Amino acid sequence: MTKDLEQQRVYRHLQSAEQFARMRGARAKGFSGVQRLVRGLLLDELTRYRLAGRYPQNRDFRNHSAPYFVDEDGTRCAVAHLLEVGGRPDLVQKIAARRNHARVRELADEPELVQFLADAGLTLEEAARIQPKYCWYPSDCVCSARAESVVEATVLTRAGLMLTARIDAVFGESPRAQVGDELALNDTAKVGEQVWIAIRPTDASSEAYILPFRLSSDSVACKHSEAILAQEHSLPKDVAYRAVSSPSKEACESVLTDYSIGWTHPQCDAGCGCRFGPAGDPALPAIGSVAIAVALLRRRRQRALSAPKRRTRTNAGS
């Protein structure tokens, strides 16, 4: 698909998602006055984003399309744009660093995103509808991750987004990770859960993060991606490690293809198919809604002040 055709496709999709949200909002009950204000302001921002026509570009995945939270030029997707103008550029950077190619429905386990949407009077279904449909390969889930080495660990403690995990096994060589060590990181997981943690070079934006895998005794499968949860798309741990630690996406895909040709068969979104977790904390929206409203109104004022002033005619001449 050419760039112009893809741009038209995304434009039409965003227009449809916006119309759906506006019609639904007109009939919705239970929103506070501030939430209704924020919801309207965010949908106005979605209109501005759509009309500007500057959407993320796919330069990494050949032969198939893929979502980008933020592309290499810094262009935000629609949902990332709404987060940023709503006062959460930090959350945009966090998601882009760890899960840049995830679908919105896969981000339903990001508590800060869920809370933001609750504060804004938007549902996860509406946010998922904003993201255009894509076709993808099962390998995307694995090959969007990069790691110097990988450790298998058990989560010991959790305080907000701060976790402590005990390292049970190490894949690859890492002087910073030894069996029995405890590792502190900023991520989401349940106490007692076994996870795979990617250890990245020390100059990376995030040195360690939890890979989106479900673990069994001898294999892994990708979380949330329905296309890969089937048994035939699970991976032995040694194969998964070789894929994740490959020097490039192409090398990673080659590892997976050598294991099973099924990893190269494209899957396509049939619709939202959303199975979301709980909404945000109902005790917080009053405070969070005001914060988003302030950020949005401040952004509007900044745009108004930076807009070129129109020249006016005087009686003395033009």
C-alpha atoms as a PDB file:
ATOM      1  CA  MET A   1       0.000   0.000   0.000  1.00  0.00           C
ATOM      2  CA  THR A   2       1.422   3.415  -0.947  1.00  0.00           C
ATOM      3  CA  LYS A   3       1.989   6.111   1.633  1.00  0.00           C
ATOM      4  CA  ASP A   4      -0.898   8.215   0.260  1.00  0.00           C
ATOM      5  CA  LEU A   5      -3.339   5.302   0.353  1.00  0.00           C
ATOM      6  CA  GLU A   6      -2.253   4.324   3.860  1.00  0.00           C
ATOM      7  CA  GLN A   7      -2.688   7.924   5.004  1.00  0.00           C
ATOM      8  CA  GLN A   8      -6.213   7.968   3.567  1.00  0.00           C
ATOM      9  CA  ARG A   9      -7.001   4.652   5.261  1.00  0.00           C
ATOM     10  CA  VAL A  10      -5.862   5.921   8.664  1.00  0.00           C
ATOM     11  CA  TYR A  11      -7.727   9.217   8.165  1.00  0.00           C
ATOM     12  CA  ARG A  12     -11.007   7.437   7.413  1.00  0.00           C
ATOM     13  CA  HIS A  13     -10.517   5.049  10.331  1.00  0.00           C
ATOM     14  CA  LEU A  14      -9.885   7.889  12.801  1.00  0.00           C
ATOM     15  CA  GLN A  15     -12.921   9.729  11.486  1.00  0.00           C
ATOM     16  CA  SER A  16     -15.103   6.669  12.066  1.00  0.00           C
ATOM     17  CA  ALA A  17     -13.691   6.098  15.570  1.00  0.00           C
ATOM     18  CA  GLU A  18     -14.288   9.723  16.487  1.00  0.00           C
ATOM     19  CA  GLN A  19     -17.891   9.630  15.241  1.00  0.00           C
ATOM     20  CA  PHE A  20     -18.482   6.435  17.263  1.00  0.00           C
ATOM     21  CA  ALA A  21     -17.086   8.034  20.427  1.00  0.00           C
ATOM     22  CA  ARG A  22     -19.082  11.261  20.006  1.00  0.00           C
ATOM     23  CA  MET A  23     -22.370   9.416  19.424  1.00  0.00           C
ATOM     24  CA  ARG A  24     -21.706   7.106  22.337  1.00  0.00           C
ATOM     25  CA  GLY A  25     -20.749   9.981  24.608  1.00  0.00           C
ATOM     26  CA  ALA A  26     -24.000  11.779  23.891  1.00  0.00           C
ATOM     27  CA  ARG A  27     -25.925   8.802  25.318  1.00  0.00           C
ATOM     28  CA  ALA A  28     -23.472   7.823  28.097  1.00  0.00           C
ATOM     29  CA  LYS A  29     -24.402   8.194  31.751  1.00  0.00           C
ATOM     30  CA  GLY A  30     -22.304   8.299  34.887  1.00  0.00           C
ATOM     31  CA  PHE A  31     -19.671  10.821  33.781  1.00  0.00           C
ATOM     32  CA  SER A  32     -18.916  13.797  35.985  1.00  0.00           C
ATOM     33  CA  GLY A  33     -19.024  17.281  34.518  1.00  0.00           C
ATOM     34  CA  VAL A  34     -15.214  17.417  34.433  1.00  0.00           C
ATOM     35  CA  GLN A  35     -15.004  14.023  32.715  1.00  0.00           C
ATOM     36  CA  ARG A  36     -17.445  15.199  30.039  1.00  0.00           C
ATOM     37  CA  LEU A  37     -15.327  18.321  29.522  1.00  0.00           C
ATOM     38  CA  VAL A  38     -12.121  16.290  29.245  1.00  0.00           C
ATOM     39  CA  ARG A  39     -13.733  13.766  26.910  1.00  0.00           C
ATOM     40  CA  GLY A  40     -14.888  16.539  24.588  1.00  0.00           C
ATOM     41  CA  LEU A  41     -11.497  18.265  24.641  1.00  0.00           C
ATOM     42  CA  LEU A  42      -9.704  15.004  23.839  1.00  0.00           C
ATOM     43  CA  LEU A  43     -12.032  14.240  20.930  1.00  0.00           C
ATOM     44  CA  ASP A  44     -11.389  17.763  19.623  1.00  0.00           C
ATOM     45  CA  GLU A  45      -7.665  16.956  19.825  1.00  0.00           C
ATOM     46  CA  LEU A  46      -8.316  13.746  17.900  1.00  0.00           C
ATOM     47  CA  THR A  47      -9.945  15.857  15.181  1.00  0.00           C
ATOM     48  CA  ARG A  48      -6.869  18.115  15.025  1.00  0.00           C
ATOM     49  CA  TYR A  49      -4.598  15.077  14.861  1.00  0.00           C
ATOM     50  CA  ARG A  50      -6.633  13.514  12.035  1.00  0.00           C
ATOM     51  CA  LEU A  51      -6.760  16.723   9.978  1.00  0.00           C
ATOM     52  CA  ALA A  52      -3.011  17.296  10.391  1.00  0.00           C
ATOM     53  CA  GLY A  53      -2.473  13.974   8.572  1.00  0.00           C
ATOM     54  CA  ARG A  54       0.876  13.189  10.205  1.00  0.00           C
ATOM     55  CA  TYR A  55       0.779   9.537  11.239  1.00  0.00           C
ATOM     56  CA  PRO A  56       3.580   7.093  12.218  1.00  0.00           C
ATOM     57  CA  GLN A  57       5.494   5.452   9.380  1.00  0.00           C
ATOM     58  CA  ASN A  58       6.453   1.764   9.250  1.00  0.00           C
ATOM     59  CA  ARG A  59      10.162   1.497   8.420  1.00  0.00           C
ATOM     60  CA  ASP A  60      10.967  -1.683  10.362  1.00  0.00           C
ATOM     61  CA  PHE A  61       8.590  -4.396   9.189  1.00  0.00           C
ATOM     62  CA  ARG A  62       8.911  -5.350   5.563  1.00  0.00           C
ATOM     63  CA  ASN A  63       5.978  -6.952   3.714  1.00  0.00           C
ATOM     64  CA  HIS A  64       3.423  -6.292   6.445  1.00  0.00           C
ATOM     65  CA  SER A  65       1.925  -3.436   8.425  1.00  0.00           C
ATOM     66  CA  ALA A  66       2.409  -2.881  12.136  1.00  0.00           C
ATOM     67  CA  PRO A  67       1.268  -0.344  14.729  1.00  0.00           C
ATOM     68  CA  TYR A  68       3.718   2.181  16.165  1.00  0.00           C
ATOM     69  CA  PHE A  69       3.170   4.039  19.405  1.00  0.00           C
ATOM     70  CA  VAL A  70       5.981   6.407  18.367  1.00  0.00           C
ATOM     71  CA  ASP A  71       7.936   6.043  15.122  1.00  0.00           C
ATOM     72  CA  GLU A  72      11.639   6.788  14.634  1.00  0.00           C
ATOM     73  CA  ASP A  73      10.838  10.398  13.673  1.00  0.00           C
ATOM     74  CA  GLY A  74       8.998  10.911  16.952  1.00  0.00           C
ATOM     75  CA  THR A  75       5.550  10.896  15.335  1.00  0.00           C
ATOM     76  CA  ARG A  76       2.917   9.775  17.824  1.00  0.00           C
ATOM     77  CA  CYS A  77       0.010   7.486  17.059  1.00  0.00           C
ATOM     78  CA  ALA A  78      -3.421   8.914  17.866  1.00  0.00           C
ATOM     79  CA  VAL A  79      -3.624   7.366  21.345  1.00  0.00           C
ATOM     80  CA  ALA A  80      -0.065   8.458  22.198  1.00  0.00           C
ATOM     81  CA  HIS A  81      -0.933  11.972  20.993  1.00  0.00           C
ATOM     82  CA  LEU A  82      -3.966  12.114  23.299  1.00  0.00           C
ATOM     83  CA  LEU A  83      -1.824  10.970  26.230  1.00  0.00           C
ATOM     84  CA  GLU A  84       0.788  13.611  25.510  1.00  0.00           C
ATOM     85  CA  VAL A  85      -1.567  16.573  25.132  1.00  0.00           C
ATOM     86  CA  GLY A  86      -3.385  15.251  28.222  1.00  0.00           C
ATOM     87  CA  GLY A  87      -0.261  15.768  30.325  1.00  0.00           C
ATOM     88  CA  ARG A  88       1.320  12.283  30.228  1.00  0.00           C
ATOM     89  CA  PRO A  89       4.377  12.486  27.932  1.00  0.00           C
ATOM     90  CA  ASP A  90       6.185  10.314  30.494  1.00  0.00           C
ATOM     91  CA  LEU A  91       3.714   7.471  29.911  1.00  0.00           C
ATOM     92  CA  VAL A  92       4.112   7.855  26.136  1.00  0.00           C
ATOM     93  CA  GLN A  93       7.874   7.422  26.484  1.00  0.00           C
ATOM     94  CA  LYS A  94       7.491   4.456  28.819  1.00  0.00           C
ATOM     95  CA  ILE A  95       5.140   2.537  26.502  1.00  0.00           C
ATOM     96  CA  ALA A  96       7.187   3.408  23.411  1.00  0.00           C
ATOM     97  CA  ALA A  97      10.379   2.131  25.072  1.00  0.00           C
ATOM     98  CA  ARG A  98       8.910  -1.229  26.098  1.00  0.00           C
ATOM     99  CA  ARG A  99       5.906  -2.012  23.881  1.00  0.00           C
ATOM    100  CA  ASN A 100       6.132   0.249  20.859  1.00  0.00           C
ATOM    101  CA  HIS A 101       4.331  -2.148  18.483  1.00  0.00           C
ATOM    102  CA  ALA A 102       1.585  -3.302  20.830  1.00  0.00           C
ATOM    103  CA  ARG A 103      -2.064  -2.957  19.946  1.00  0.00           C
ATOM    104  CA  VAL A 104      -4.116  -0.845  22.316  1.00  0.00           C
ATOM    105  CA  ARG A 105      -6.092  -3.899  23.415  1.00  0.00           C
ATOM    106  CA  GLU A 106      -2.775  -5.462  24.493  1.00  0.00           C
ATOM    107  CA  LEU A 107      -2.055  -2.421  26.685  1.00  0.00           C
ATOM    108  CA  ALA A 108      -5.057  -3.150  28.888  1.00  0.00           C
ATOM    109  CA  ASP A 109      -2.586  -4.370  31.551  1.00  0.00           C
ATOM    110  CA  GLU A 110      -0.942  -0.920  31.771  1.00  0.00           C
ATOM    111  CA  PRO A 111      -2.570   0.540  34.918  1.00  0.00           C
ATOM    112  CA  GLU A 112      -1.502   4.116  34.195  1.00  0.00           C
ATOM    113  CA  LEU A 113      -3.119   4.007  30.749  1.00  0.00           C
ATOM    114  CA  VAL A 114      -6.292   2.459  32.170  1.00  0.00           C
ATOM    115  CA  GLN A 115      -6.450   5.164  34.837  1.00  0.00           C
ATOM    116  CA  PHE A 116      -5.874   7.958  32.307  1.00  0.00           C
ATOM    117  CA  LEU A 117      -8.776   6.711  30.186  1.00  0.00           C
ATOM    118  CA  ALA A 118     -11.021   6.450  33.251  1.00  0.00           C
ATOM    119  CA  ASP A 119     -10.125  10.020  34.220  1.00  0.00           C
ATOM    120  CA  ALA A 120     -10.837  11.154  30.653  1.00  0.00           C
ATOM    121  CA  GLY A 121     -14.254   9.507  30.485  1.00  0.00           C
ATOM    122  CA  LEU A 122     -13.085   7.229  27.655  1.00  0.00           C
ATOM    123  CA  THR A 123     -13.435   3.457  27.605  1.00  0.00           C
ATOM    124  CA  LEU A 124     -10.768   0.976  26.618  1.00  0.00           C
ATOM    125  CA  GLU A 125     -13.013  -0.134  23.774  1.00  0.00           C
ATOM    126  CA  GLU A 126     -13.096   3.423  22.412  1.00  0.00           C
ATOM    127  CA  ALA A 127      -9.314   3.726  22.705  1.00  0.00           C
ATOM    128  CA  ALA A 128      -8.880   0.397  20.898  1.00  0.00           C
ATOM    129  CA  ARG A 129     -11.215   1.572  18.130  1.00  0.00           C
ATOM    130  CA  ILE A 130      -9.053   4.659  17.596  1.00  0.00           C
ATOM    131  CA  GLN A 131      -6.139   2.440  16.549  1.00  0.00           C
ATOM    132  CA  PRO A 132      -6.444   1.313  12.898  1.00  0.00           C
ATOM    133  CA  LYS A 133      -6.626  -2.390  12.073  1.00  0.00           C
ATOM    134  CA  TYR A 134      -3.431  -4.115  10.991  1.00  0.00           C
ATOM    135  CA  CYS A 135      -2.201  -7.374   9.607  1.00  0.00           C
ATOM    136  CA  TRP A 136       0.807  -8.798  11.391  1.00  0.00           C
ATOM    137  CA  TYR A 137       2.993 -11.837  11.760  1.00  0.00           C
ATOM    138  CA  PRO A 138       3.077 -13.824  15.015  1.00  0.00           C
ATOM    139  CA  SER A 139       6.807 -13.122  15.072  1.00  0.00           C
ATOM    140  CA  ASP A 140       6.121  -9.429  15.786  1.00  0.00           C
ATOM    141  CA  CYS A 141       5.444 -10.198  19.447  1.00  0.00           C
ATOM    142  CA  VAL A 142       8.878 -11.760  19.916  1.00  0.00           C
ATOM    143  CA  CYS A 143      10.948  -9.679  17.517  1.00  0.00           C
ATOM    144  CA  SER A 144       9.828  -6.281  18.789  1.00  0.00           C
ATOM    145  CA  ALA A 145      11.846  -7.045  21.940  1.00  0.00           C
ATOM    146  CA  ARG A 146      15.607  -6.576  22.141  1.00  0.00           C
ATOM    147  CA  ALA A 147      17.803  -7.954  24.888  1.00  0.00           C
ATOM    148  CA  GLU A 148      21.488  -8.343  25.704  1.00  0.00           C
ATOM    149  CA  SER A 149      20.544 -11.260  27.939  1.00  0.00           C
ATOM    150  CA  VAL A 150      17.382 -12.658  29.521  1.00  0.00           C
ATOM    151  CA  VAL A 151      16.683 -13.808  33.057  1.00  0.00           C
ATOM    152  CA  GLU A 152      13.806 -15.896  34.352  1.00  0.00           C
ATOM    153  CA  ALA A 153      12.663 -14.562  37.697  1.00  0.00           C
ATOM    154  CA  THR A 154       9.962 -14.790  40.348  1.00  0.00           C
ATOM    155  CA  VAL A 155       8.316 -11.561  41.481  1.00  0.00           C
ATOM    156  CA  LEU A 156       8.812 -11.171  45.233  1.00  0.00           C
ATOM    157  CA  THR A 157       7.379  -7.758  46.063  1.00  0.00           C
ATOM    158  CA  ARG A 158       5.352  -5.038  44.401  1.00  0.00           C
ATOM    159  CA  ALA A 159       4.793  -1.442  45.481  1.00  0.00           C
ATOM    160  CA  GLY A 160       2.921   0.439  42.784  1.00  0.00           C
ATOM    161  CA  LEU A 161       5.025  -0.038  39.651  1.00  0.00           C
ATOM    162  CA  MET A 162       8.198  -0.910  41.556  1.00  0.00           C
ATOM    163  CA  LEU A 163       8.939  -4.633  41.587  1.00  0.00           C
ATOM    164  CA  THR A 164      11.569  -6.834  43.180  1.00  0.00           C
ATOM    165  CA  ALA A 165      12.241 -10.179  41.488  1.00  0.00           C
ATOM    166  CA  ARG A 166      14.550 -13.105  42.361  1.00  0.00           C
ATOM    167  CA  ILE A 167      16.563 -14.438  39.424  1.00  0.00           C
ATOM    168  CA  ASP A 168      15.981 -18.179  38.920  1.00  0.00           C
ATOM    169  CA  ALA A 169      17.811 -18.709  35.604  1.00  0.00           C
ATOM    170  CA  VAL A 170      20.013 -16.698  33.241  1.00  0.00           C
ATOM    171  CA  PHE A 171      20.014 -17.013  29.448  1.00  0.00           C
ATOM    172  CA  GLY A 172      23.160 -15.596  27.904  1.00  0.00           C
ATOM    173  CA  GLU A 173      26.106 -13.940  29.613  1.00  0.00           C
ATOM    174  CA  SER A 174      25.444 -10.959  31.841  1.00  0.00           C
ATOM    175  CA  PRO A 175      27.790  -9.792  34.587  1.00  0.00           C
ATOM    176  CA  ARG A 176      24.872  -7.801  35.992  1.00  0.00           C
ATOM    177  CA  ALA A 177      22.601 -10.836  36.538  1.00  0.00           C
ATOM    178  CA  GLN A 178      23.361 -13.961  38.545  1.00  0.00           C
ATOM    179  CA  VAL A 179      21.071 -16.747  39.810  1.00  0.00           C
ATOM    180  CA  GLY A 180      19.835 -15.860  43.299  1.00  0.00           C
ATOM    181  CA  ASP A 181      20.280 -12.107  42.871  1.00  0.00           C
ATOM    182  CA  GLU A 182      17.350  -9.782  43.399  1.00  0.00           C
ATOM    183  CA  LEU A 183      16.522  -7.338  40.639  1.00  0.00           C
ATOM    184  CA  ALA A 184      14.546  -4.106  41.088  1.00  0.00           C
ATOM    185  CA  LEU A 185      12.667  -2.668  38.131  1.00  0.00           C
ATOM    186  CA  ASN A 186       9.754  -0.452  37.200  1.00  0.00           C
ATOM    187  CA  ASP A 187       7.094  -2.653  35.589  1.00  0.00           C
ATOM    188  CA  THR A 188       3.827  -4.510  36.182  1.00  0.00           C
ATOM    189  CA  ALA A 189       3.444  -8.115  37.370  1.00  0.00           C
ATOM    190  CA  LYS A 190       1.809 -10.037  40.203  1.00  0.00           C
ATOM    191  CA  VAL A 191       3.690 -11.199  43.304  1.00  0.00           C
ATOM    192  CA  GLY A 192       4.618 -14.859  42.782  1.00  0.00           C
ATOM    193  CA  GLU A 193       4.419 -14.623  38.982  1.00  0.00           C
ATOM    194  CA  GLN A 194       7.289 -16.070  36.954  1.00  0.00           C
ATOM    195  CA  VAL A 195       8.499 -13.669  34.301  1.00  0.00           C
ATOM    196  CA  TRP A 196      11.180 -13.232  31.675  1.00  0.00           C
ATOM    197  CA  ILE A 197      13.135 -10.013  32.070  1.00  0.00           C
ATOM    198  CA  ALA A 198      15.155  -8.503  29.231  1.00  0.00           C
ATOM    199  CA  ILE A 199      18.498  -7.092  30.362  1.00  0.00           C
ATOM    200  CA  ARG A 200      19.526  -4.346  27.967  1.00  0.00           C
ATOM    201  CA  PRO A 201      22.816  -2.466  27.526  1.00  0.00           C
ATOM    202  CA  THR A 202      23.459   0.114  30.249  1.00  0.00           C
ATOM    203  CA  ASP A 203      23.034   2.999  27.793  1.00  0.00           C
ATOM    204  CA  ALA A 204      19.506   1.923  26.801  1.00  0.00           C
ATOM    205  CA  SER A 205      16.510   4.040  27.839  1.00  0.00           C
ATOM    206  CA  SER A 206      15.217   1.192  30.005  1.00  0.00           C
ATOM    207  CA  GLU A 207      17.867  -1.242  31.279  1.00  0.00           C
ATOM    208  CA  ALA A 208      15.457  -4.017  32.296  1.00  0.00           C
ATOM    209  CA  TYR A 209      11.835  -4.738  31.515  1.00  0.00           C
ATOM    210  CA  ILE A 210       9.466  -7.705  31.591  1.00  0.00           C
ATOM    211  CA  LEU A 211       8.914  -9.417  28.267  1.00  0.00           C
ATOM    212  CA  PRO A 212       5.239  -9.997  27.302  1.00  0.00           C
ATOM    213  CA  PHE A 213       5.465 -13.805  27.629  1.00  0.00           C
ATOM    214  CA  ARG A 214       3.471 -16.461  29.444  1.00  0.00           C
ATOM    215  CA  LEU A 215       5.782 -19.072  30.945  1.00  0.00           C
ATOM    216  CA  SER A 216       5.357 -22.806  31.377  1.00  0.00           C
ATOM    217  CA  SER A 217       7.982 -25.288  32.559  1.00  0.00           C
ATOM    218  CA  ASP A 218       9.815 -25.496  29.233  1.00  0.00           C
ATOM    219  CA  SER A 219       8.219 -22.994  26.830  1.00  0.00           C
ATOM    220  CA  VAL A 220       6.926 -19.448  26.415  1.00  0.00           C
ATOM    221  CA  ALA A 221       4.036 -17.887  24.470  1.00  0.00           C
ATOM    222  CA  CYS A 222       3.092 -14.258  23.928  1.00  0.00           C
ATOM    223  CA  LYS A 223       0.625 -12.578  26.264  1.00  0.00           C
ATOM    224  CA  HIS A 224      -2.544 -10.976  24.946  1.00  0.00           C
ATOM    225  CA  SER A 225      -1.897 -11.811  21.290  1.00  0.00           C
ATOM    226  CA  GLU A 226      -4.676 -14.280  20.544  1.00  0.00           C
ATOM    227  CA  ALA A 227      -2.938 -15.374  17.355  1.00  0.00           C
ATOM    228  CA  ILE A 228       0.019 -16.733  19.298  1.00  0.00           C
ATOM    229  CA  LEU A 229      -1.610 -18.255  22.351  1.00  0.00           C
ATOM    230  CA  ALA A 230      -2.318 -21.472  20.464  1.00  0.00           C
ATOM    231  CA  GLN A 231      -0.006 -24.343  21.379  1.00  0.00           C
ATOM    232  CA  GLU A 232       1.520 -24.517  17.886  1.00  0.00           C
ATOM    233  CA  HIS A 233       2.848 -20.983  18.375  1.00  0.00           C
ATOM    234  CA  SER A 234       4.556 -21.544  21.703  1.00  0.00           C
ATOM    235  CA  LEU A 235       8.354 -21.581  21.744  1.00  0.00           C
ATOM    236  CA  PRO A 236      10.908 -23.667  23.626  1.00  0.00           C
ATOM    237  CA  LYS A 237      12.804 -21.372  25.966  1.00  0.00           C
ATOM    238  CA  ASP A 238      16.129 -21.798  24.186  1.00  0.00           C
ATOM    239  CA  VAL A 239      14.568 -20.842  20.827  1.00  0.00           C
ATOM    240  CA  ALA A 240      12.791 -17.867  22.389  1.00  0.00           C
ATOM    241  CA  TYR A 241      16.042 -16.636  23.910  1.00  0.00           C
ATOM    242  CA  ARG A 242      17.950 -16.952  20.619  1.00  0.00           C
ATOM    243  CA  ALA A 243      15.196 -14.974  18.890  1.00  0.00           C
ATOM    244  CA  VAL A 244      14.986 -12.198  21.481  1.00  0.00           C
ATOM    245  CA  SER A 245      18.772 -11.798  21.660  1.00  0.00           C
ATOM    246  CA  SER A 246      19.224 -11.687  17.870  1.00  0.00           C
ATOM    247  CA  PRO A 247      21.067  -8.597  16.613  1.00  0.00           C
ATOM    248  CA  SER A 248      18.211  -7.475  14.329  1.00  0.00           C
ATOM    249  CA  LYS A 249      14.535  -8.058  13.625  1.00  0.00           C
ATOM    250  CA  GLU A 250      15.434  -9.919  10.431  1.00  0.00           C
ATOM    251  CA  ALA A 251      17.745 -12.280  12.349  1.00  0.00           C
ATOM    252  CA  CYS A 252      15.047 -12.820  14.982  1.00  0.00           C
ATOM    253  CA  GLU A 253      12.465 -13.697  12.315  1.00  0.00           C
ATOM    254  CA  SER A 254      14.946 -16.105  10.749  1.00  0.00           C
ATOM    255  CA  VAL A 255      15.322 -17.964  14.072  1.00  0.00           C
ATOM    256  CA  LEU A 256      11.546 -18.303  14.369  1.00  0.00           C
ATOM    257  CA  THR A 257      11.078 -19.359  10.743  1.00  0.00           C
ATOM    258  CA  ASP A 258      13.719 -22.066  11.145  1.00  0.00           C
ATOM    259  CA  TYR A 259      11.736 -23.384  14.098  1.00  0.00           C
ATOM    260  CA  SER A 260       8.305 -23.221  12.404  1.00  0.00           C
ATOM    261  CA  ILE A 261       7.120 -21.679   9.148  1.00  0.00           C
ATOM    262  CA  GLY A 262       3.874 -20.754  10.933  1.00  0.00           C
ATOM    263  CA  TRP A 263       5.579 -17.736  12.447  1.00  0.00           C
ATOM    264  CA  THR A 264       5.632 -16.134   8.987  1.00  0.00           C
ATOM    265  CA  HIS A 265       1.905 -16.578   8.271  1.00  0.00           C
ATOM    266  CA  PRO A 266       0.142 -13.206   8.644  1.00  0.00           C
ATOM    267  CA  GLN A 267      -2.815 -12.699  10.952  1.00  0.00           C
ATOM    268  CA  CYS A 268      -5.252  -9.822  10.573  1.00  0.00           C
ATOM    269  CA  ASP A 269      -7.370  -7.929  13.062  1.00  0.00           C
ATOM    270  CA  ALA A 270     -10.979  -8.991  12.629  1.00  0.00           C
ATOM    271  CA  GLY A 271     -12.185  -6.313  15.023  1.00  0.00           C
ATOM    272  CA  CYS A 272     -11.591  -5.141  18.530  1.00  0.00           C
ATOM    273  CA  GLY A 273     -12.263  -8.494  20.208  1.00  0.00           C
ATOM    274  CA  CYS A 274     -11.403  -6.716  23.434  1.00  0.00           C
ATOM    275  CA  ARG A 275     -11.270  -8.557  26.739  1.00  0.00           C
ATOM    276  CA  PHE A 276     -10.232  -5.856  29.129  1.00  0.00           C
ATOM    277  CA  GLY A 277      -9.379  -5.946  32.796  1.00  0.00           C
ATOM    278  CA  PRO A 278     -10.863  -3.664  35.448  1.00  0.00           C
ATOM    279  CA  ALA A 279     -11.268   0.046  34.846  1.00  0.00           C
ATOM    280  CA  GLY A 280      -9.255   2.621  36.765  1.00  0.00           C
ATOM    281  CA  ASP A 281      -9.709   3.367  40.443  1.00  0.00           C
ATOM    282  CA  PRO A 282     -13.102   5.116  40.811  1.00  0.00           C
ATOM    283  CA  ALA A 283     -11.706   7.152  43.707  1.00  0.00           C
ATOM    284  CA  LEU A 284      -9.170   8.895  41.476  1.00  0.00           C
ATOM    285  CA  PRO A 285     -10.981  10.311  38.395  1.00  0.00           C
ATOM    286  CA  ALA A 286     -12.068  13.547  40.140  1.00  0.00           C
ATOM    287  CA  ILE A 287      -8.426  14.515  40.692  1.00  0.00           C
ATOM    288  CA  GLY A 288      -7.079  12.994  37.477  1.00  0.00           C
ATOM    289  CA  SER A 289      -9.812  14.552  35.319  1.00  0.00           C
ATOM    290  CA  VAL A 290      -8.925  18.042  36.520  1.00  0.00           C
ATOM    291  CA  ALA A 291      -5.221  17.438  35.794  1.00  0.00           C
ATOM    292  CA  ILE A 292      -5.977  16.330  32.222  1.00  0.00           C
ATOM    293  CA  ALA A 293      -8.321  19.286  31.681  1.00  0.00           C
ATOM    294  CA  VAL A 294      -5.620  21.711  32.878  1.00  0.00           C
ATOM    295  CA  ALA A 295      -3.041  20.139  30.522  1.00  0.00           C
ATOM    296  CA  LEU A 296      -5.428  20.296  27.541  1.00  0.00           C
ATOM    297  CA  LEU A 297      -6.473  23.901  28.185  1.00  0.00           C
ATOM    298  CA  ARG A 298      -2.825  24.902  28.664  1.00  0.00           C
ATOM    299  CA  ARG A 299      -1.986  23.286  25.303  1.00  0.00           C
ATOM    300  CA  ARG A 300      -4.819  25.228  23.650  1.00  0.00           C
ATOM    301  CA  ARG A 301      -3.561  28.491  25.120  1.00  0.00           C
ATOM    302  CA  GLN A 302       0.004  27.781  23.956  1.00  0.00           C
ATOM    303  CA  ARG A 303      -1.240  27.155  20.415  1.00  0.00           C
ATOM    304  CA  ALA A 304      -3.268  30.355  20.462  1.00  0.00           C
ATOM    305  CA  LEU A 305      -0.291  32.403  21.652  1.00  0.00           C
ATOM    306  CA  SER A 306       2.078  30.867  19.107  1.00  0.00           C
ATOM    307  CA  ALA A 307      -0.320  31.280  16.155  1.00  0.00           C
ATOM    308  CA  PRO A 308       0.718  34.056  13.739  1.00  0.00           C
ATOM    309  CA  LYS A 309      -1.284  37.209  14.373  1.00  0.00           C
ATOM    310  CA  ARG A 310      -3.403  38.507  11.524  1.00  0.00           C
ATOM    311  CA  ARG A 311      -2.509  41.899  10.184  1.00  0.00           C
ATOM    312  CA  THR A 312      -5.337  44.406  10.392  1.00  0.00           C
ATOM    313  CA  ARG A 313      -5.962  47.426   8.179  1.00  0.00           C
ATOM    314  CA  THR A 314      -5.933  50.920   9.662  1.00  0.00           C
ATOM    315  CA  ASN A 315      -7.220  54.204   8.280  1.00  0.00           C
ATOM    316  CA  ALA A 316      -3.600  55.133   7.558  1.00  0.00           C
ATOM    317  CA  GLY A 317      -3.198  52.263   5.110  1.00  0.00           C
ATOM    318  CA  SER A 318      -2.534  48.543   5.021  1.00  0.00           C
END
